[in-house]
Amino acid sequence: MLKIAYDPIYIHPLPAGHRFPMLKYELIPAQLLHEGLIAEECLFSPGELPEEFILWTHEEASWTQLRDLTLPPKEQRRTGFLLSAQLIEREKRIAQGTIEGCLHAINFGVAFNVAGGTHHAGTNWGEGFCLLNDQSIAANYLLHNGLATSILIIDLDVHQGNGTAQIFEHNASVFTFSMHGANNFPFRKEKSDYDVPLPDGTGDEEYLHLLKTILPQLIDLQLPDFIFYLSGVDVLASDKLGKMALSKAACKQRDQFVFEQCIINKIPVQVSMGGGYSPDIKDIIEAHCNTYRVANELYF
């Protein structure tokens, strides 16, 4: 069964004109249900995230400022969101959804979080619509509980996973791989274990060739027993923040290749959706839903 973390709290109210497409978190599960691709029982509402799990990844002083809503205004602006108790509860639920998704992935091969992919949050900072790093929190959960010993994070969002890279910079148990726009946010990059900075305008053929060359080699070298996949759709040519030139078809082929590698190597994978900022939200929803369609076809 395709298990998907989702809760109405994911759809956080934002000021009029805010550039973050919050509506997608409502539209993705609605579209999947409409198609009959999933049933209601595929969706699960995440439980409470214990503070201990957060502190395995984020510094206590930084987390306390978020929890107590005392983050300085400058740091709040850096996140792109206005701090509130509801927002912090949202971030916690998303991270817990990724943790619970890992447990479903171990059972079913793959699991999703409708939100997540908050890869710009580092140990002691948040930025770029990211406050808590959901996949990093979940990776540390797996390691602390002996559920994985070698983890590969595949970050194919158009923006470098700088927070994830920084969090695991000195952790040999987690290998961070990021294919991203060289000239895109964040403008101060961190060092992933394997970075592939791509020039503006990179298209289908070059992108897929690089991925199909690099990823199997990384899996063979690292021998991961768990994979996290950040499947951002801001690589699309239509994306207003992406600077790339991928078609929806190529984005779908990207997802298919990642899942095929997980299946061939019998590695469970948790998927968080990451970014997507095309002006027409239909393009965002279609590309994100393709990721679920491919997974359902390959696994179920």
Protein backbone atom coordinates (compact mmCIF):
# COMPACT_ATOMS: atom_id res chain seq x y z
CA MET A 1 0.00 0.00 0.00
CA LEU A 2 1.22 3.49 -0.88
CA LYS A 3 1.44 5.27 2.49
CA ILE A 4 1.43 9.08 2.47
CA ALA A 5 1.86 11.48 5.39
CA TYR A 6 -0.71 14.26 5.24
CA ASP A 7 -2.56 16.48 7.69
CA PRO A 8 -4.68 19.62 7.15
CA ILE A 9 -2.17 21.54 9.30
CA TYR A 10 0.22 21.31 6.32
CA ILE A 11 -1.90 24.00 4.62
CA HIS A 12 -0.74 27.00 6.63
CA PRO A 13 -2.43 30.40 6.12
CA LEU A 14 -0.16 32.94 4.44
CA PRO A 15 -0.51 36.65 3.62
CA ALA A 16 -2.05 37.51 0.25
CA GLY A 17 0.56 37.48 -2.51
CA HIS A 18 3.00 35.21 -0.66
CA ARG A 19 5.07 33.32 -3.22
CA PHE A 20 4.97 29.94 -1.48
CA PRO A 21 2.33 27.70 -3.14
CA MET A 22 0.81 26.37 0.10
CA LEU A 23 -2.33 25.23 -1.75
CA LYS A 24 -0.42 22.35 -3.32
CA TYR A 25 -0.52 20.40 -0.06
CA GLU A 26 -4.30 20.25 -0.33
CA LEU A 27 -4.42 19.66 -4.09
CA ILE A 28 -1.92 16.77 -4.30
CA PRO A 29 -3.87 14.29 -2.13
CA ALA A 30 -7.15 15.54 -3.60
CA GLN A 31 -5.93 14.78 -7.12
CA LEU A 32 -4.62 11.35 -6.17
CA LEU A 33 -7.93 10.49 -4.52
CA HIS A 34 -9.86 11.85 -7.52
CA GLU A 35 -7.90 9.62 -9.88
CA GLY A 36 -8.47 6.59 -7.68
CA LEU A 37 -4.71 6.14 -7.44
CA ILE A 38 -5.02 6.06 -3.65
CA ALA A 39 -7.78 5.43 -1.11
CA GLU A 40 -8.34 7.38 2.09
CA GLU A 41 -6.55 4.70 4.11
CA CYS A 42 -3.34 5.44 2.21
CA LEU A 43 -3.17 8.83 3.96
CA PHE A 44 -1.98 8.98 7.57
CA SER A 45 -1.88 11.92 9.95
CA PRO A 46 1.48 12.14 11.73
CA GLY A 47 1.59 11.94 15.50
CA GLU A 48 3.51 14.12 17.94
CA LEU A 49 7.22 14.71 17.36
CA PRO A 50 9.18 14.28 20.62
CA GLU A 51 11.55 17.15 21.35
CA GLU A 52 14.36 14.64 21.83
CA PHE A 53 14.18 13.73 18.14
CA ILE A 54 14.58 17.38 17.12
CA LEU A 55 17.64 17.78 19.34
CA TRP A 56 19.41 14.88 17.62
CA THR A 57 19.61 17.20 14.61
CA HIS A 58 19.10 20.85 15.63
CA GLU A 59 20.96 22.84 18.30
CA GLU A 60 18.95 23.35 21.46
CA ALA A 61 19.30 27.15 21.49
CA SER A 62 18.02 27.39 17.92
CA TRP A 63 15.12 25.03 18.56
CA THR A 64 14.18 26.87 21.78
CA GLN A 65 13.84 30.15 19.84
CA LEU A 66 11.49 28.46 17.39
CA ARG A 67 9.49 26.68 20.09
CA ASP A 68 9.13 29.79 22.26
CA LEU A 69 8.52 32.10 19.27
CA THR A 70 11.53 34.25 20.22
CA LEU A 71 13.40 33.97 16.93
CA PRO A 72 14.71 37.48 16.07
CA PRO A 73 12.80 39.28 13.27
CA LYS A 74 15.82 39.12 10.94
CA GLU A 75 15.97 35.34 11.33
CA GLN A 76 12.22 35.07 10.82
CA ARG A 77 12.51 36.95 7.54
CA ARG A 78 15.23 34.53 6.50
CA THR A 79 12.78 31.65 6.83
CA GLY A 80 10.21 33.39 4.63
CA PHE A 81 7.44 32.77 7.17
CA LEU A 82 6.01 34.72 10.10
CA LEU A 83 6.54 32.66 13.25
CA SER A 84 3.49 31.34 15.09
CA ALA A 85 2.58 28.43 17.33
CA GLN A 86 0.56 26.91 14.48
CA LEU A 87 3.52 27.14 12.11
CA ILE A 88 5.84 25.40 14.59
CA GLU A 89 3.28 22.66 15.15
CA ARG A 90 3.07 22.29 11.37
CA GLU A 91 6.84 21.88 11.07
CA LYS A 92 6.88 19.28 13.83
CA ARG A 93 4.06 17.30 12.21
CA ILE A 94 5.84 17.32 8.86
CA ALA A 95 9.05 16.00 10.40
CA GLN A 96 7.12 13.31 12.29
CA GLY A 97 5.38 12.40 9.05
CA THR A 98 8.76 11.75 7.47
CA ILE A 99 9.83 9.59 10.43
CA GLU A 100 6.64 7.54 10.25
CA GLY A 101 7.06 7.36 6.49
CA CYS A 102 10.43 5.70 7.02
CA LEU A 103 8.76 2.94 9.02
CA HIS A 104 6.20 2.43 6.25
CA ALA A 105 8.97 2.41 3.65
CA ILE A 106 10.75 -0.35 5.55
CA ASN A 107 7.52 -2.38 5.33
CA PHE A 108 6.33 -1.46 1.82
CA GLY A 109 9.51 -0.35 0.01
CA VAL A 110 8.42 3.28 -0.45
CA ALA A 111 6.47 5.95 1.44
CA PHE A 112 5.73 9.63 0.91
CA ASN A 113 5.28 12.88 2.74
CA VAL A 114 3.01 15.35 0.90
CA ALA A 115 5.17 18.11 2.38
CA GLY A 116 8.77 18.07 3.65
CA GLY A 117 12.05 18.31 1.84
CA THR A 118 12.99 21.18 4.16
CA HIS A 119 16.65 20.91 3.26
CA HIS A 120 17.71 24.52 3.85
CA ALA A 121 17.37 24.20 7.64
CA GLY A 122 20.76 23.61 9.26
CA THR A 123 21.69 22.68 12.80
CA ASN A 124 21.18 26.26 14.02
CA TRP A 125 19.37 28.15 11.28
CA GLY A 126 16.27 28.14 9.14
CA GLU A 127 15.87 29.73 5.70
CA GLY A 128 14.10 29.39 2.39
CA PHE A 129 10.74 28.18 3.82
CA CYS A 130 12.56 25.59 5.97
CA LEU A 131 12.56 25.64 9.79
CA LEU A 132 13.18 22.00 10.76
CA ASN A 133 14.97 19.62 8.42
CA ASP A 134 12.52 16.73 8.13
CA GLN A 135 14.68 14.20 6.30
CA SER A 136 17.70 14.91 8.51
CA ILE A 137 15.60 14.45 11.64
CA ALA A 138 14.29 11.18 10.22
CA ALA A 139 17.77 10.00 9.21
CA ASN A 140 19.05 10.58 12.74
CA TYR A 141 15.99 8.77 14.09
CA LEU A 142 16.85 5.71 11.99
CA LEU A 143 20.48 5.78 13.08
CA HIS A 144 19.68 6.25 16.78
CA ASN A 145 17.23 3.36 16.71
CA GLY A 146 19.43 0.97 14.76
CA LEU A 147 17.01 0.90 11.82
CA ALA A 148 19.72 1.92 9.34
CA THR A 149 23.50 2.07 9.39
CA SER A 150 24.27 3.63 5.98
CA ILE A 151 21.95 6.30 4.56
CA LEU A 152 21.95 7.99 1.16
CA ILE A 153 20.10 11.28 0.74
CA ILE A 154 19.27 11.97 -2.91
CA ASP A 155 18.40 15.66 -3.24
CA LEU A 156 17.10 16.55 -6.70
CA ASP A 157 15.45 19.83 -5.79
CA VAL A 158 16.78 22.66 -7.97
CA HIS A 159 18.24 24.32 -4.86
CA GLN A 160 21.22 22.83 -3.05
CA GLY A 161 20.41 21.01 0.17
CA ASN A 162 22.74 23.24 2.14
CA GLY A 163 21.21 22.54 5.53
CA THR A 164 21.33 18.78 5.03
CA ALA A 165 24.94 18.99 3.85
CA GLN A 166 25.94 20.98 6.93
CA ILE A 167 24.08 18.71 9.36
CA PHE A 168 25.83 15.57 8.12
CA GLU A 169 29.17 17.12 7.20
CA HIS A 170 31.02 15.00 9.78
CA ASN A 171 28.72 11.97 9.85
CA ALA A 172 30.10 9.07 7.83
CA SER A 173 26.83 7.15 8.18
CA VAL A 174 24.92 9.62 5.97
CA PHE A 175 26.00 10.42 2.40
CA THR A 176 24.52 13.59 0.91
CA PHE A 177 24.09 13.86 -2.88
CA SER A 178 22.71 17.07 -4.40
CA MET A 179 22.09 17.91 -8.07
CA HIS A 180 21.13 21.59 -8.21
CA GLY A 181 21.39 24.87 -10.06
CA ALA A 182 24.87 26.34 -9.68
CA ASN A 183 23.61 29.93 -9.83
CA ASN A 184 20.54 29.50 -7.68
CA PHE A 185 19.63 29.88 -4.03
CA PRO A 186 21.28 29.38 -1.59
CA PHE A 187 24.01 31.67 -2.84
CA ARG A 188 26.34 30.49 -0.10
CA LYS A 189 26.54 26.75 -0.70
CA GLU A 190 27.62 24.14 1.83
CA LYS A 191 29.64 21.09 0.79
CA SER A 192 27.60 17.94 0.22
CA ASP A 193 29.43 14.62 0.00
CA TYR A 194 28.69 14.79 -3.74
CA ASP A 195 27.55 18.02 -5.37
CA VAL A 196 26.55 18.34 -9.02
CA PRO A 197 26.13 22.08 -9.75
CA LEU A 198 24.28 22.53 -13.04
CA PRO A 199 24.37 25.57 -15.35
CA ASP A 200 21.25 27.63 -16.04
CA GLY A 201 19.13 26.14 -18.80
CA THR A 202 20.20 22.52 -18.24
CA GLY A 203 17.74 20.38 -20.21
CA ASP A 204 16.32 16.88 -20.24
CA GLU A 205 19.10 14.97 -21.96
CA GLU A 206 22.03 16.35 -19.97
CA TYR A 207 20.20 16.13 -16.66
CA LEU A 208 19.07 12.54 -17.10
CA HIS A 209 22.45 11.44 -18.45
CA LEU A 210 24.22 12.80 -15.36
CA LEU A 211 21.74 11.22 -12.96
CA LYS A 212 21.85 7.84 -14.70
CA THR A 213 25.65 7.90 -14.65
CA ILE A 214 26.18 9.08 -11.09
CA LEU A 215 23.44 7.49 -8.97
CA PRO A 216 24.16 3.79 -9.65
CA GLN A 217 27.84 4.41 -8.91
CA LEU A 218 27.02 6.11 -5.61
CA ILE A 219 24.79 3.24 -4.54
CA ASP A 220 27.46 0.70 -5.45
CA LEU A 221 30.10 2.63 -3.49
CA GLN A 222 28.05 3.59 -0.43
CA LEU A 223 25.90 0.45 -0.11
CA PRO A 224 23.08 2.30 1.68
CA ASP A 225 20.43 0.39 3.60
CA PHE A 226 18.02 3.33 3.47
CA ILE A 227 17.46 6.15 0.96
CA PHE A 228 15.79 9.53 1.32
CA TYR A 229 14.62 11.13 -1.91
CA LEU A 230 13.82 14.84 -2.20
CA SER A 231 11.83 15.09 -5.43
CA GLY A 232 11.50 18.83 -6.00
CA VAL A 233 9.71 19.84 -9.19
CA ASP A 234 11.36 23.27 -9.35
CA VAL A 235 13.63 21.80 -12.05
CA LEU A 236 10.81 22.35 -14.56
CA ALA A 237 11.31 24.85 -17.37
CA SER A 238 8.09 26.53 -16.24
CA ASP A 239 9.39 27.19 -12.72
CA LYS A 240 9.81 30.89 -11.93
CA LEU A 241 12.65 30.27 -9.46
CA GLY A 242 14.39 27.27 -11.01
CA LYS A 243 16.44 28.51 -14.02
CA MET A 244 16.42 24.95 -15.43
CA ALA A 245 14.73 23.61 -18.56
CA LEU A 246 13.31 20.18 -17.75
CA SER A 247 10.06 18.95 -19.22
CA LYS A 248 7.42 17.21 -17.12
CA ALA A 249 8.24 14.00 -19.00
CA ALA A 250 11.91 14.21 -18.01
CA CYS A 251 10.98 14.99 -14.41
CA LYS A 252 8.86 11.84 -14.40
CA GLN A 253 11.71 9.83 -15.94
CA ARG A 254 13.98 11.17 -13.17
CA ASP A 255 11.60 9.84 -10.52
CA GLN A 256 11.26 6.51 -12.28
CA PHE A 257 15.02 6.04 -12.44
CA VAL A 258 15.47 6.80 -8.74
CA PHE A 259 12.75 4.33 -7.78
CA GLU A 260 14.13 1.67 -10.13
CA GLN A 261 17.53 1.94 -8.48
CA CYS A 262 15.94 1.54 -5.06
CA ILE A 263 14.00 -1.51 -6.24
CA ILE A 264 16.94 -3.15 -7.99
CA ASN A 265 19.07 -2.75 -4.88
CA LYS A 266 16.23 -3.59 -2.46
CA ILE A 267 16.60 -0.33 -0.53
CA PRO A 268 13.58 1.28 1.14
CA VAL A 269 13.01 4.92 0.20
CA GLN A 270 11.17 7.78 1.88
CA VAL A 271 10.09 10.61 -0.44
CA SER A 272 9.52 14.25 0.54
CA MET A 273 8.17 16.56 -2.13
CA GLY A 274 10.42 19.63 -1.96
CA GLY A 275 9.93 22.77 -4.02
CA GLY A 276 7.90 23.79 -7.04
CA TYR A 277 7.14 27.37 -8.06
CA SER A 278 5.63 27.30 -11.54
CA PRO A 279 3.19 30.21 -12.05
CA ASP A 280 0.37 27.82 -12.95
CA ILE A 281 -0.23 25.58 -9.94
CA LYS A 282 -1.58 22.90 -12.29
CA ASP A 283 1.99 22.36 -13.53
CA ILE A 284 3.21 21.91 -9.95
CA ILE A 285 0.46 19.45 -9.05
CA GLU A 286 0.86 17.41 -12.24
CA ALA A 287 4.61 17.04 -11.79
CA HIS A 288 4.32 16.14 -8.10
CA CYS A 289 1.52 13.66 -8.78
CA ASN A 290 3.66 12.00 -11.43
CA THR A 291 6.06 10.99 -8.65
CA TYR A 292 3.24 9.15 -6.87
CA ARG A 293 1.98 7.63 -10.12
CA VAL A 294 5.40 6.21 -10.97
CA ALA A 295 5.90 4.83 -7.45
CA ASN A 296 2.47 3.20 -7.44
CA GLU A 297 3.11 1.60 -10.82
CA LEU A 298 6.55 0.27 -9.89
CA TYR A 299 5.87 -0.89 -6.34
CA PHE A 300 2.19 -1.86 -6.30
